[in-house]
Amino acid sequence: LMRAMVADGEVDHLVPERVWAETRRALAEPQPSAFLRVLREAG
């Protein structure tokens, strides 16, 4: 479903502030590498 969201262009409409807010929180989690792997697998 996440791959379909990327293909549909839904991710293109994310505002920068929200992307940063989620990224900042992810970087403070115990295993930030999983954040990158999931995003990468979803495209």
ModelCIF file with pLDDT and N, C-alpha, C, O atoms, coordinates in Angstrom:
data_MODEL
#
_entry.id   MODEL 
#
_entity.id                         1 
_entity.type                       polymer 
_entity.pdbx_number_of_molecules   1 
#
_entity_poly.entity_id                      1 
_entity_poly.type                           'polypeptide(L)' 
_entity_poly.nstd_linkage                   no 
_entity_poly.nstd_monomer                   no 
_entity_poly.pdbx_seq_one_letter_code       LMRAMVADGEVDHLVPERVWAETRRALAEPQPSAFLRVLREAG 
_entity_poly.pdbx_seq_one_letter_code_can   LMRAMVADGEVDHLVPERVWAETRRALAEPQPSAFLRVLREAG 
_entity_poly.pdbx_strand_id                 A 
#
loop_
_entity_poly_seq.entity_id 
_entity_poly_seq.num 
_entity_poly_seq.mon_id 
_entity_poly_seq.hetero 
1 1  LEU n 
1 2  MET n 
1 3  ARG n 
1 4  ALA n 
1 5  MET n 
1 6  VAL n 
1 7  ALA n 
1 8  ASP n 
1 9  GLY n 
1 10 GLU n 
1 11 VAL n 
1 12 ASP n 
1 13 HIS n 
1 14 LEU n 
1 15 VAL n 
1 16 PRO n 
1 17 GLU n 
1 18 ARG n 
1 19 VAL n 
1 20 TRP n 
1 21 ALA n 
1 22 GLU n 
1 23 THR n 
1 24 ARG n 
1 25 ARG n 
1 26 ALA n 
1 27 LEU n 
1 28 ALA n 
1 29 GLU n 
1 30 PRO n 
1 31 GLN n 
1 32 PRO n 
1 33 SER n 
1 34 ALA n 
1 35 PHE n 
1 36 LEU n 
1 37 ARG n 
1 38 VAL n 
1 39 LEU n 
1 40 ARG n 
1 41 GLU n 
1 42 ALA n 
1 43 GLY n 
#
_struct_asym.id          A 
_struct_asym.entity_id   1 
#
loop_
_ma_qa_metric.id 
_ma_qa_metric.mode 
_ma_qa_metric.name 
_ma_qa_metric.software_group_id 
_ma_qa_metric.type 
1 global pLDDT . pLDDT 
2 local  pLDDT . pLDDT 
#
_ma_qa_metric_global.metric_id      1 
_ma_qa_metric_global.metric_value   96.79 
_ma_qa_metric_global.model_id       1 
_ma_qa_metric_global.ordinal_id     1 
#
loop_
_ma_qa_metric_local.label_asym_id 
_ma_qa_metric_local.label_comp_id 
_ma_qa_metric_local.label_seq_id 
_ma_qa_metric_local.metric_id 
_ma_qa_metric_local.metric_value 
_ma_qa_metric_local.model_id 
_ma_qa_metric_local.ordinal_id 
A LEU 1  2 98.00 1 1  
A MET 2  2 98.00 1 2  
A ARG 3  2 98.00 1 3  
A ALA 4  2 97.00 1 4  
A MET 5  2 96.00 1 5  
A VAL 6  2 97.00 1 6  
A ALA 7  2 97.00 1 7  
A ASP 8  2 94.00 1 8  
A GLY 9  2 94.00 1 9  
A GLU 10 2 91.00 1 10 
A VAL 11 2 94.00 1 11 
A ASP 12 2 93.00 1 12 
A HIS 13 2 90.00 1 13 
A LEU 14 2 94.00 1 14 
A VAL 15 2 94.00 1 15 
A PRO 16 2 96.00 1 16 
A GLU 17 2 96.00 1 17 
A ARG 18 2 96.00 1 18 
A VAL 19 2 98.00 1 19 
A TRP 20 2 98.00 1 20 
A ALA 21 2 97.00 1 21 
A GLU 22 2 98.00 1 22 
A THR 23 2 98.00 1 23 
A ARG 24 2 98.00 1 24 
A ARG 25 2 98.00 1 25 
A ALA 26 2 98.00 1 26 
A LEU 27 2 98.00 1 27 
A ALA 28 2 98.00 1 28 
A GLU 29 2 98.00 1 29 
A PRO 30 2 98.00 1 30 
A GLN 31 2 98.00 1 31 
A PRO 32 2 98.00 1 32 
A SER 33 2 98.00 1 33 
A ALA 34 2 98.00 1 34 
A PHE 35 2 98.00 1 35 
A LEU 36 2 98.00 1 36 
A ARG 37 2 98.00 1 37 
A VAL 38 2 98.00 1 38 
A LEU 39 2 98.00 1 39 
A ARG 40 2 98.00 1 40 
A GLU 41 2 98.00 1 41 
A ALA 42 2 98.00 1 42 
A GLY 43 2 98.00 1 43 
#
loop_
_atom_site.group_PDB 
_atom_site.id 
_atom_site.type_symbol 
_atom_site.label_atom_id 
_atom_site.label_alt_id 
_atom_site.label_comp_id 
_atom_site.label_asym_id 
_atom_site.label_entity_id 
_atom_site.label_seq_id 
_atom_site.pdbx_PDB_ins_code 
_atom_site.Cartn_x 
_atom_site.Cartn_y 
_atom_site.Cartn_z 
_atom_site.occupancy 
_atom_site.B_iso_or_equiv 
_atom_site.pdbx_formal_charge 
_atom_site.auth_seq_id 
_atom_site.auth_comp_id 
_atom_site.auth_asym_id 
_atom_site.auth_atom_id 
_atom_site.pdbx_PDB_model_num 
ATOM 1   N N  . LEU A 1 1  ? 0.832  -1.203 0.000  1.00 98.00 ? 1  LEU A N  1 
ATOM 2   C CA . LEU A 1 1  ? 0.000  0.000  0.000  1.00 98.00 ? 1  LEU A CA 1 
ATOM 3   C C  . LEU A 1 1  ? 0.869  1.257  0.000  1.00 98.00 ? 1  LEU A C  1 
ATOM 4   O O  . LEU A 1 1  ? 0.550  2.235  -0.675 1.00 98.00 ? 1  LEU A O  1 
ATOM 5   N N  . MET A 1 2  ? 1.953  1.230  0.746  1.00 98.00 ? 2  MET A N  1 
ATOM 6   C CA . MET A 1 2  ? 2.853  2.380  0.791  1.00 98.00 ? 2  MET A CA 1 
ATOM 7   C C  . MET A 1 2  ? 3.518  2.609  -0.570 1.00 98.00 ? 2  MET A C  1 
ATOM 8   O O  . MET A 1 2  ? 3.683  3.752  -0.997 1.00 98.00 ? 2  MET A O  1 
ATOM 9   N N  . ARG A 1 3  ? 3.896  1.533  -1.242 1.00 98.00 ? 3  ARG A N  1 
ATOM 10  C CA . ARG A 1 3  ? 4.471  1.677  -2.585 1.00 98.00 ? 3  ARG A CA 1 
ATOM 11  C C  . ARG A 1 3  ? 3.452  2.304  -3.533 1.00 98.00 ? 3  ARG A C  1 
ATOM 12  O O  . ARG A 1 3  ? 3.797  3.144  -4.364 1.00 98.00 ? 3  ARG A O  1 
ATOM 13  N N  . ALA A 1 4  ? 2.204  1.890  -3.399 1.00 97.00 ? 4  ALA A N  1 
ATOM 14  C CA . ALA A 1 4  ? 1.153  2.454  -4.244 1.00 97.00 ? 4  ALA A CA 1 
ATOM 15  C C  . ALA A 1 4  ? 0.954  3.937  -3.962 1.00 97.00 ? 4  ALA A C  1 
ATOM 16  O O  . ALA A 1 4  ? 0.686  4.715  -4.878 1.00 97.00 ? 4  ALA A O  1 
ATOM 17  N N  . MET A 1 5  ? 1.084  4.331  -2.701 1.00 96.00 ? 5  MET A N  1 
ATOM 18  C CA . MET A 1 5  ? 0.960  5.744  -2.348 1.00 96.00 ? 5  MET A CA 1 
ATOM 19  C C  . MET A 1 5  ? 2.057  6.568  -3.019 1.00 96.00 ? 5  MET A C  1 
ATOM 20  O O  . MET A 1 5  ? 1.806  7.671  -3.504 1.00 96.00 ? 5  MET A O  1 
ATOM 21  N N  . VAL A 1 6  ? 3.274  6.025  -3.041 1.00 97.00 ? 6  VAL A N  1 
ATOM 22  C CA . VAL A 1 6  ? 4.381  6.727  -3.693 1.00 97.00 ? 6  VAL A CA 1 
ATOM 23  C C  . VAL A 1 6  ? 4.138  6.811  -5.192 1.00 97.00 ? 6  VAL A C  1 
ATOM 24  O O  . VAL A 1 6  ? 4.326  7.866  -5.798 1.00 97.00 ? 6  VAL A O  1 
ATOM 25  N N  . ALA A 1 7  ? 3.717  5.691  -5.793 1.00 97.00 ? 7  ALA A N  1 
ATOM 26  C CA . ALA A 1 7  ? 3.464  5.671  -7.230 1.00 97.00 ? 7  ALA A CA 1 
ATOM 27  C C  . ALA A 1 7  ? 2.335  6.617  -7.624 1.00 97.00 ? 7  ALA A C  1 
ATOM 28  O O  . ALA A 1 7  ? 2.338  7.184  -8.717 1.00 97.00 ? 7  ALA A O  1 
ATOM 29  N N  . ASP A 1 8  ? 1.377  6.780  -6.726 1.00 94.00 ? 8  ASP A N  1 
ATOM 30  C CA . ASP A 1 8  ? 0.227  7.648  -6.992 1.00 94.00 ? 8  ASP A CA 1 
ATOM 31  C C  . ASP A 1 8  ? 0.563  9.124  -6.819 1.00 94.00 ? 8  ASP A C  1 
ATOM 32  O O  . ASP A 1 8  ? -0.240 9.988  -7.170 1.00 94.00 ? 8  ASP A O  1 
ATOM 33  N N  . GLY A 1 9  ? 1.742  9.420  -6.281 1.00 94.00 ? 9  GLY A N  1 
ATOM 34  C CA . GLY A 1 9  ? 2.146  10.809 -6.091 1.00 94.00 ? 9  GLY A CA 1 
ATOM 35  C C  . GLY A 1 9  ? 1.658  11.439 -4.812 1.00 94.00 ? 9  GLY A C  1 
ATOM 36  O O  . GLY A 1 9  ? 1.840  12.638 -4.600 1.00 94.00 ? 9  GLY A O  1 
ATOM 37  N N  . GLU A 1 10 ? 1.029  10.635 -3.940 1.00 91.00 ? 10 GLU A N  1 
ATOM 38  C CA . GLU A 1 10 ? 0.502  11.191 -2.690 1.00 91.00 ? 10 GLU A CA 1 
ATOM 39  C C  . GLU A 1 10 ? 1.623  11.754 -1.821 1.00 91.00 ? 10 GLU A C  1 
ATOM 40  O O  . GLU A 1 10 ? 1.436  12.765 -1.144 1.00 91.00 ? 10 GLU A O  1 
ATOM 41  N N  . VAL A 1 11 ? 2.779  11.107 -1.837 1.00 94.00 ? 11 VAL A N  1 
ATOM 42  C CA . VAL A 1 11 ? 3.915  11.553 -1.019 1.00 94.00 ? 11 VAL A CA 1 
ATOM 43  C C  . VAL A 1 11 ? 4.446  12.906 -1.484 1.00 94.00 ? 11 VAL A C  1 
ATOM 44  O O  . VAL A 1 11 ? 5.036  13.648 -0.700 1.00 94.00 ? 11 VAL A O  1 
ATOM 45  N N  . ASP A 1 12 ? 4.237  13.222 -2.754 1.00 93.00 ? 12 ASP A N  1 
ATOM 46  C CA . ASP A 1 12 ? 4.717  14.499 -3.290 1.00 93.00 ? 12 ASP A CA 1 
ATOM 47  C C  . ASP A 1 12 ? 4.042  15.697 -2.627 1.00 93.00 ? 12 ASP A C  1 
ATOM 48  O O  . ASP A 1 12 ? 4.543  16.818 -2.714 1.00 93.00 ? 12 ASP A O  1 
ATOM 49  N N  . HIS A 1 13 ? 2.917  15.467 -1.969 1.00 90.00 ? 13 HIS A N  1 
ATOM 50  C CA . HIS A 1 13 ? 2.153  16.560 -1.370 1.00 90.00 ? 13 HIS A CA 1 
ATOM 51  C C  . HIS A 1 13 ? 2.467  16.765 0.113  1.00 90.00 ? 13 HIS A C  1 
ATOM 52  O O  . HIS A 1 13 ? 1.821  17.576 0.776  1.00 90.00 ? 13 HIS A O  1 
ATOM 53  N N  . LEU A 1 14 ? 3.444  16.044 0.630  1.00 94.00 ? 14 LEU A N  1 
ATOM 54  C CA . LEU A 1 14 ? 3.848  16.254 2.022  1.00 94.00 ? 14 LEU A CA 1 
ATOM 55  C C  . LEU A 1 14 ? 4.511  17.626 2.173  1.00 94.00 ? 14 LEU A C  1 
ATOM 56  O O  . LEU A 1 14 ? 5.357  18.007 1.364  1.00 94.00 ? 14 LEU A O  1 
ATOM 57  N N  . VAL A 1 15 ? 4.122  18.352 3.201  1.00 94.00 ? 15 VAL A N  1 
ATOM 58  C CA . VAL A 1 15 ? 4.730  19.658 3.426  1.00 94.00 ? 15 VAL A CA 1 
ATOM 59  C C  . VAL A 1 15 ? 6.068  19.468 4.133  1.00 94.00 ? 15 VAL A C  1 
ATOM 60  O O  . VAL A 1 15 ? 6.212  18.544 4.934  1.00 94.00 ? 15 VAL A O  1 
ATOM 61  N N  . PRO A 1 16 ? 7.054  20.331 3.851  1.00 96.00 ? 16 PRO A N  1 
ATOM 62  C CA . PRO A 1 16 ? 8.394  20.157 4.425  1.00 96.00 ? 16 PRO A CA 1 
ATOM 63  C C  . PRO A 1 16 ? 8.401  20.078 5.937  1.00 96.00 ? 16 PRO A C  1 
ATOM 64  O O  . PRO A 1 16 ? 9.138  19.280 6.517  1.00 96.00 ? 16 PRO A O  1 
ATOM 65  N N  . GLU A 1 17 ? 7.589  20.899 6.578  1.00 96.00 ? 17 GLU A N  1 
ATOM 66  C CA . GLU A 1 17 ? 7.587  20.916 8.045  1.00 96.00 ? 17 GLU A CA 1 
ATOM 67  C C  . GLU A 1 17 ? 7.202  19.563 8.622  1.00 96.00 ? 17 GLU A C  1 
ATOM 68  O O  . GLU A 1 17 ? 7.752  19.143 9.640  1.00 96.00 ? 17 GLU A O  1 
ATOM 69  N N  . ARG A 1 18 ? 6.259  18.877 7.978  1.00 96.00 ? 18 ARG A N  1 
ATOM 70  C CA . ARG A 1 18 ? 5.822  17.581 8.511  1.00 96.00 ? 18 ARG A CA 1 
ATOM 71  C C  . ARG A 1 18 ? 6.866  16.508 8.233  1.00 96.00 ? 18 ARG A C  1 
ATOM 72  O O  . ARG A 1 18 ? 7.091  15.627 9.062  1.00 96.00 ? 18 ARG A O  1 
ATOM 73  N N  . VAL A 1 19 ? 7.507  16.580 7.061  1.00 98.00 ? 19 VAL A N  1 
ATOM 74  C CA . VAL A 1 19 ? 8.583  15.625 6.761  1.00 98.00 ? 19 VAL A CA 1 
ATOM 75  C C  . VAL A 1 19 ? 9.703  15.765 7.785  1.00 98.00 ? 19 VAL A C  1 
ATOM 76  O O  . VAL A 1 19 ? 10.214 14.770 8.299  1.00 98.00 ? 19 VAL A O  1 
ATOM 77  N N  . TRP A 1 20 ? 10.079 17.009 8.076  1.00 98.00 ? 20 TRP A N  1 
ATOM 78  C CA . TRP A 1 20 ? 11.151 17.228 9.043  1.00 98.00 ? 20 TRP A CA 1 
ATOM 79  C C  . TRP A 1 20 ? 10.734 16.779 10.444 1.00 98.00 ? 20 TRP A C  1 
ATOM 80  O O  . TRP A 1 20 ? 11.529 16.174 11.162 1.00 98.00 ? 20 TRP A O  1 
ATOM 81  N N  . ALA A 1 21 ? 9.505  17.070 10.830 1.00 97.00 ? 21 ALA A N  1 
ATOM 82  C CA . ALA A 1 21 ? 9.060  16.697 12.173 1.00 97.00 ? 21 ALA A CA 1 
ATOM 83  C C  . ALA A 1 21 ? 9.143  15.184 12.379 1.00 97.00 ? 21 ALA A C  1 
ATOM 84  O O  . ALA A 1 21 ? 9.600  14.722 13.425 1.00 97.00 ? 21 ALA A O  1 
ATOM 85  N N  . GLU A 1 22 ? 8.701  14.414 11.383 1.00 98.00 ? 22 GLU A N  1 
ATOM 86  C CA . GLU A 1 22 ? 8.763  12.955 11.508 1.00 98.00 ? 22 GLU A CA 1 
ATOM 87  C C  . GLU A 1 22 ? 10.205 12.463 11.423 1.00 98.00 ? 22 GLU A C  1 
ATOM 88  O O  . GLU A 1 22 ? 10.583 11.530 12.132 1.00 98.00 ? 22 GLU A O  1 
ATOM 89  N N  . THR A 1 23 ? 11.011 13.079 10.563 1.00 98.00 ? 23 THR A N  1 
ATOM 90  C CA . THR A 1 23 ? 12.413 12.682 10.428 1.00 98.00 ? 23 THR A CA 1 
ATOM 91  C C  . THR A 1 23 ? 13.173 12.957 11.713 1.00 98.00 ? 23 THR A C  1 
ATOM 92  O O  . THR A 1 23 ? 13.960 12.129 12.172 1.00 98.00 ? 23 THR A O  1 
ATOM 93  N N  . ARG A 1 24 ? 12.932 14.116 12.282 1.00 98.00 ? 24 ARG A N  1 
ATOM 94  C CA . ARG A 1 24 ? 13.619 14.477 13.527 1.00 98.00 ? 24 ARG A CA 1 
ATOM 95  C C  . ARG A 1 24 ? 13.302 13.472 14.628 1.00 98.00 ? 24 ARG A C  1 
ATOM 96  O O  . ARG A 1 24 ? 14.187 13.078 15.388 1.00 98.00 ? 24 ARG A O  1 
ATOM 97  N N  . ARG A 1 25 ? 12.068 13.068 14.712 1.00 98.00 ? 25 ARG A N  1 
ATOM 98  C CA . ARG A 1 25 ? 11.692 12.084 15.731 1.00 98.00 ? 25 ARG A CA 1 
ATOM 99  C C  . ARG A 1 25 ? 12.309 10.727 15.419 1.00 98.00 ? 25 ARG A C  1 
ATOM 100 O O  . ARG A 1 25 ? 12.734 10.015 16.328 1.00 98.00 ? 25 ARG A O  1 
ATOM 101 N N  . ALA A 1 26 ? 12.360 10.366 14.142 1.00 98.00 ? 26 ALA A N  1 
ATOM 102 C CA . ALA A 1 26 ? 12.958 9.085  13.759 1.00 98.00 ? 26 ALA A CA 1 
ATOM 103 C C  . ALA A 1 26 ? 14.439 9.030  14.095 1.00 98.00 ? 26 ALA A C  1 
ATOM 104 O O  . ALA A 1 26 ? 14.945 7.988  14.510 1.00 98.00 ? 26 ALA A O  1 
ATOM 105 N N  . LEU A 1 27 ? 15.137 10.149 13.917 1.00 98.00 ? 27 LEU A N  1 
ATOM 106 C CA . LEU A 1 27 ? 16.571 10.199 14.216 1.00 98.00 ? 27 LEU A CA 1 
ATOM 107 C C  . LEU A 1 27 ? 16.851 10.050 15.702 1.00 98.00 ? 27 LEU A C  1 
ATOM 108 O O  . LEU A 1 27 ? 17.971 9.729  16.099 1.00 98.00 ? 27 LEU A O  1 
ATOM 109 N N  . ALA A 1 28 ? 15.835 10.284 16.521 1.00 98.00 ? 28 ALA A N  1 
ATOM 110 C CA . ALA A 1 28 ? 15.989 10.139 17.973 1.00 98.00 ? 28 ALA A CA 1 
ATOM 111 C C  . ALA A 1 28 ? 15.558 8.756  18.461 1.00 98.00 ? 28 ALA A C  1 
ATOM 112 O O  . ALA A 1 28 ? 15.617 8.477  19.658 1.00 98.00 ? 28 ALA A O  1 
ATOM 113 N N  . GLU A 1 29 ? 15.130 7.898  17.554 1.00 98.00 ? 29 GLU A N  1 
ATOM 114 C CA . GLU A 1 29 ? 14.706 6.550  17.932 1.00 98.00 ? 29 GLU A CA 1 
ATOM 115 C C  . GLU A 1 29 ? 15.918 5.624  18.062 1.00 98.00 ? 29 GLU A C  1 
ATOM 116 O O  . GLU A 1 29 ? 17.015 5.979  17.630 1.00 98.00 ? 29 GLU A O  1 
ATOM 117 N N  . PRO A 1 30 ? 15.728 4.437  18.655 1.00 98.00 ? 30 PRO A N  1 
ATOM 118 C CA . PRO A 1 30 ? 16.870 3.543  18.898 1.00 98.00 ? 30 PRO A CA 1 
ATOM 119 C C  . PRO A 1 30 ? 17.532 2.980  17.646 1.00 98.00 ? 30 PRO A C  1 
ATOM 120 O O  . PRO A 1 30 ? 18.725 2.676  17.676 1.00 98.00 ? 30 PRO A O  1 
ATOM 121 N N  . GLN A 1 31 ? 16.789 2.831  16.540 1.00 98.00 ? 31 GLN A N  1 
ATOM 122 C CA . GLN A 1 31 ? 17.377 2.240  15.335 1.00 98.00 ? 31 GLN A CA 1 
ATOM 123 C C  . GLN A 1 31 ? 16.952 3.029  14.099 1.00 98.00 ? 31 GLN A C  1 
ATOM 124 O O  . GLN A 1 31 ? 16.096 2.575  13.339 1.00 98.00 ? 31 GLN A O  1 
ATOM 125 N N  . PRO A 1 32 ? 17.548 4.215  13.891 1.00 98.00 ? 32 PRO A N  1 
ATOM 126 C CA . PRO A 1 32 ? 17.131 5.071  12.772 1.00 98.00 ? 32 PRO A CA 1 
ATOM 127 C C  . PRO A 1 32 ? 17.332 4.441  11.407 1.00 98.00 ? 32 PRO A C  1 
ATOM 128 O O  . PRO A 1 32 ? 16.678 4.838  10.443 1.00 98.00 ? 32 PRO A O  1 
ATOM 129 N N  . SER A 1 33 ? 18.226 3.466  11.309 1.00 98.00 ? 33 SER A N  1 
ATOM 130 C CA . SER A 1 33 ? 18.446 2.820  10.009 1.00 98.00 ? 33 SER A CA 1 
ATOM 131 C C  . SER A 1 33 ? 17.152 2.220  9.469  1.00 98.00 ? 33 SER A C  1 
ATOM 132 O O  . SER A 1 33 ? 16.949 2.179  8.256  1.00 98.00 ? 33 SER A O  1 
ATOM 133 N N  . ALA A 1 34 ? 16.277 1.754  10.357 1.00 98.00 ? 34 ALA A N  1 
ATOM 134 C CA . ALA A 1 34 ? 15.012 1.169  9.910  1.00 98.00 ? 34 ALA A CA 1 
ATOM 135 C C  . ALA A 1 34 ? 14.136 2.200  9.223  1.00 98.00 ? 34 ALA A C  1 
ATOM 136 O O  . ALA A 1 34 ? 13.377 1.865  8.315  1.00 98.00 ? 34 ALA A O  1 
ATOM 137 N N  . PHE A 1 35 ? 14.235 3.448  9.649  1.00 98.00 ? 35 PHE A N  1 
ATOM 138 C CA . PHE A 1 35 ? 13.494 4.542  9.011  1.00 98.00 ? 35 PHE A CA 1 
ATOM 139 C C  . PHE A 1 35 ? 13.899 4.640  7.542  1.00 98.00 ? 35 PHE A C  1 
ATOM 140 O O  . PHE A 1 35 ? 13.041 4.736  6.665  1.00 98.00 ? 35 PHE A O  1 
ATOM 141 N N  . LEU A 1 36 ? 15.203 4.616  7.274  1.00 98.00 ? 36 LEU A N  1 
ATOM 142 C CA . LEU A 1 36 ? 15.679 4.696  5.889  1.00 98.00 ? 36 LEU A CA 1 
ATOM 143 C C  . LEU A 1 36 ? 15.282 3.463  5.097  1.00 98.00 ? 36 LEU A C  1 
ATOM 144 O O  . LEU A 1 36 ? 14.851 3.577  3.950  1.00 98.00 ? 36 LEU A O  1 
ATOM 145 N N  . ARG A 1 37 ? 15.422 2.284  5.693  1.00 98.00 ? 37 ARG A N  1 
ATOM 146 C CA . ARG A 1 37 ? 15.128 1.054  4.955  1.00 98.00 ? 37 ARG A CA 1 
ATOM 147 C C  . ARG A 1 37 ? 13.657 0.970  4.558  1.00 98.00 ? 37 ARG A C  1 
ATOM 148 O O  . ARG A 1 37 ? 13.334 0.564  3.442  1.00 98.00 ? 37 ARG A O  1 
ATOM 149 N N  . VAL A 1 38 ? 12.767 1.355  5.470  1.00 98.00 ? 38 VAL A N  1 
ATOM 150 C CA . VAL A 1 38 ? 11.340 1.296  5.149  1.00 98.00 ? 38 VAL A CA 1 
ATOM 151 C C  . VAL A 1 38 ? 10.998 2.303  4.049  1.00 98.00 ? 38 VAL A C  1 
ATOM 152 O O  . VAL A 1 38 ? 10.277 1.974  3.107  1.00 98.00 ? 38 VAL A O  1 
ATOM 153 N N  . LEU A 1 39 ? 11.514 3.519  4.168  1.00 98.00 ? 39 LEU A N  1 
ATOM 154 C CA . LEU A 1 39 ? 11.253 4.528  3.140  1.00 98.00 ? 39 LEU A CA 1 
ATOM 155 C C  . LEU A 1 39 ? 11.818 4.087  1.793  1.00 98.00 ? 39 LEU A C  1 
ATOM 156 O O  . LEU A 1 39 ? 11.199 4.289  0.748  1.00 98.00 ? 39 LEU A O  1 
ATOM 157 N N  . ARG A 1 40 ? 12.990 3.489  1.834  1.00 98.00 ? 40 ARG A N  1 
ATOM 158 C CA . ARG A 1 40 ? 13.624 3.052  0.579  1.00 98.00 ? 40 ARG A CA 1 
ATOM 159 C C  . ARG A 1 40 ? 12.840 1.913  -0.053 1.00 98.00 ? 40 ARG A C  1 
ATOM 160 O O  . ARG A 1 40 ? 12.634 1.905  -1.267 1.00 98.00 ? 40 ARG A O  1 
ATOM 161 N N  . GLU A 1 41 ? 12.400 0.952  0.751  1.00 98.00 ? 41 GLU A N  1 
ATOM 162 C CA . GLU A 1 41 ? 11.636 -0.173 0.216  1.00 98.00 ? 41 GLU A CA 1 
ATOM 163 C C  . GLU A 1 41 ? 10.312 0.298  -0.388 1.00 98.00 ? 41 GLU A C  1 
ATOM 164 O O  . GLU A 1 41 ? 9.817  -0.278 -1.357 1.00 98.00 ? 41 GLU A O  1 
ATOM 165 N N  . ALA A 1 42 ? 9.751  1.353  0.200  1.00 98.00 ? 42 ALA A N  1 
ATOM 166 C CA . ALA A 1 42 ? 8.489  1.892  -0.318 1.00 98.00 ? 42 ALA A CA 1 
ATOM 167 C C  . ALA A 1 42 ? 8.691  2.796  -1.532 1.00 98.00 ? 42 ALA A C  1 
ATOM 168 O O  . ALA A 1 42 ? 7.723  3.170  -2.195 1.00 98.00 ? 42 ALA A O  1 
ATOM 169 N N  . GLY A 1 43 ? 9.945  3.149  -1.825 1.00 98.00 ? 43 GLY A N  1 
ATOM 170 C CA . GLY A 1 43 ? 10.221 4.069  -2.928 1.00 98.00 ? 43 GLY A CA 1 
ATOM 171 C C  . GLY A 1 43 ? 10.155 5.523  -2.529 1.00 98.00 ? 43 GLY A C  1 
ATOM 172 O O  . GLY A 1 43 ? 10.367 6.403  -3.363 1.00 98.00 ? 43 GLY A O  1 
#
